[in-house]
Each structure stands twice: as C-alpha cells, then as structure tokens.
C-alpha cells in the first residue's frame, strides 16, 4: 500500500517487514489518512513509523450519527423502522439483527417460513453487495493516476472508470437484480421493515412459483 503526504510517498508494511533504504535514526513519522473513503461513514487512520517499521496504528470513527442513542426511550419495535436506515446497501443486515434481538428478548418462537423469508432477504442483499462493492467502491480506485505506469492502467480505465467504464456500468446495473427478490418480500428495498416479530408467510414457495427461473444474468 502506498499513501501520500506532502508529496512524499512512503510504503507501509507490517512490523516484520522493514522498509528498505529508509534513513536510520529518523524521528517517528506520523501519517494521518483522513478520511478513508471506502467504508460506510468516515474513518481516520493514524500510523506511526520508526526506522522503517510500523510501531503503532490506530483507527477512529469520527462521524457520529446518533444511532447508538436514538432508540433510547422508544418502543422496542421502533428498531425495525430505524435500524434498516443505518445503511442504504446493507440495511437488511441491521433489520435482521434488530428482529432477532427482539425475538430473543421476548422469547418469540419464530415460524419456519419467517426464518426462510428473513434468510432469503439476507442472502439476496449480500449477493447485491458483492458487485456493488467491487465495481462501485473498489475498482474505481484502480483508475487513479498514481497507477498510470502500470501495463494494465489503460484497460482498468476502460473497464472501471466511474459511470463510463464498461464493466462498471454492467456491475452496478446487475447489482440491482437480486434485491428485486427482497422487494417482493418486503415491499421495497432498501429500508424495508418486513421482518416483524413472529411474522411468517403462509406459502413462501407460492410467491416464487412463477419466478423459479429467475436469473441474475444481465443482458
């Protein structure tokens, strides 16, 4: 990994891999990387380097949105409405956690079909997040001009450039297909609240009987 500070590039390695050609007896170098943009919310990273070795590293979540306290004093079931809105990509994971927390607290016996419906929502949302993360959050970094000397740089730009890259467009578009299934269960995606307590589906198979050939292949 290479980070840049004050136009000075320094490779970062673990403590077992000394940095070669590094001046001896240099003062401890502190590098602040802020923000780290490829996470949900701002994250700061601080690294200390001494004589070519990483000696300390910290991460800080600097952005406080208040979800930790927003449900205090509220009806417990409000979590089914609020927590899915923590994230616009993985809200189903937060909804699932909120649902199971209430089930555990109240000793609810969850019907089998309700478990299937919850798990199916989690599965398709996870499938959605794979191409969305790779093409929308990671691969576009490969088009950074710092990599222009790479033999693969031109191809990376053709494929992964934001909004115009061929693979970027296909990847982002196809990521919306799996959550169509989620919307069938929850009425919408994202920010659905369908995993209500003790909720089941009379015949979950019937809902999908006309969709058993559903394909994620995008033309």
Foldseek 3Di string as FASTA:
>chain_A
DWDDDPNDIDDADAQVDFDPPFDAPDPWDKDKDWFPPLDLAGKIKIWIAHNRHTDDIDMDRPDDDCPVPPCPPHDLLCQLQPQLVSDQQQSLVSLVVSQVVVCVVVVADADPQLVVLSVLLNVLSVVLVVLCSCQVRNLCVLQDPVCVVPPCNVVSCCARNPPRHPVSVVSNVLSVQSCVVVCLQQVDPDRGSNSHHNDGDPDPCVSCVVPPVPDSDDD
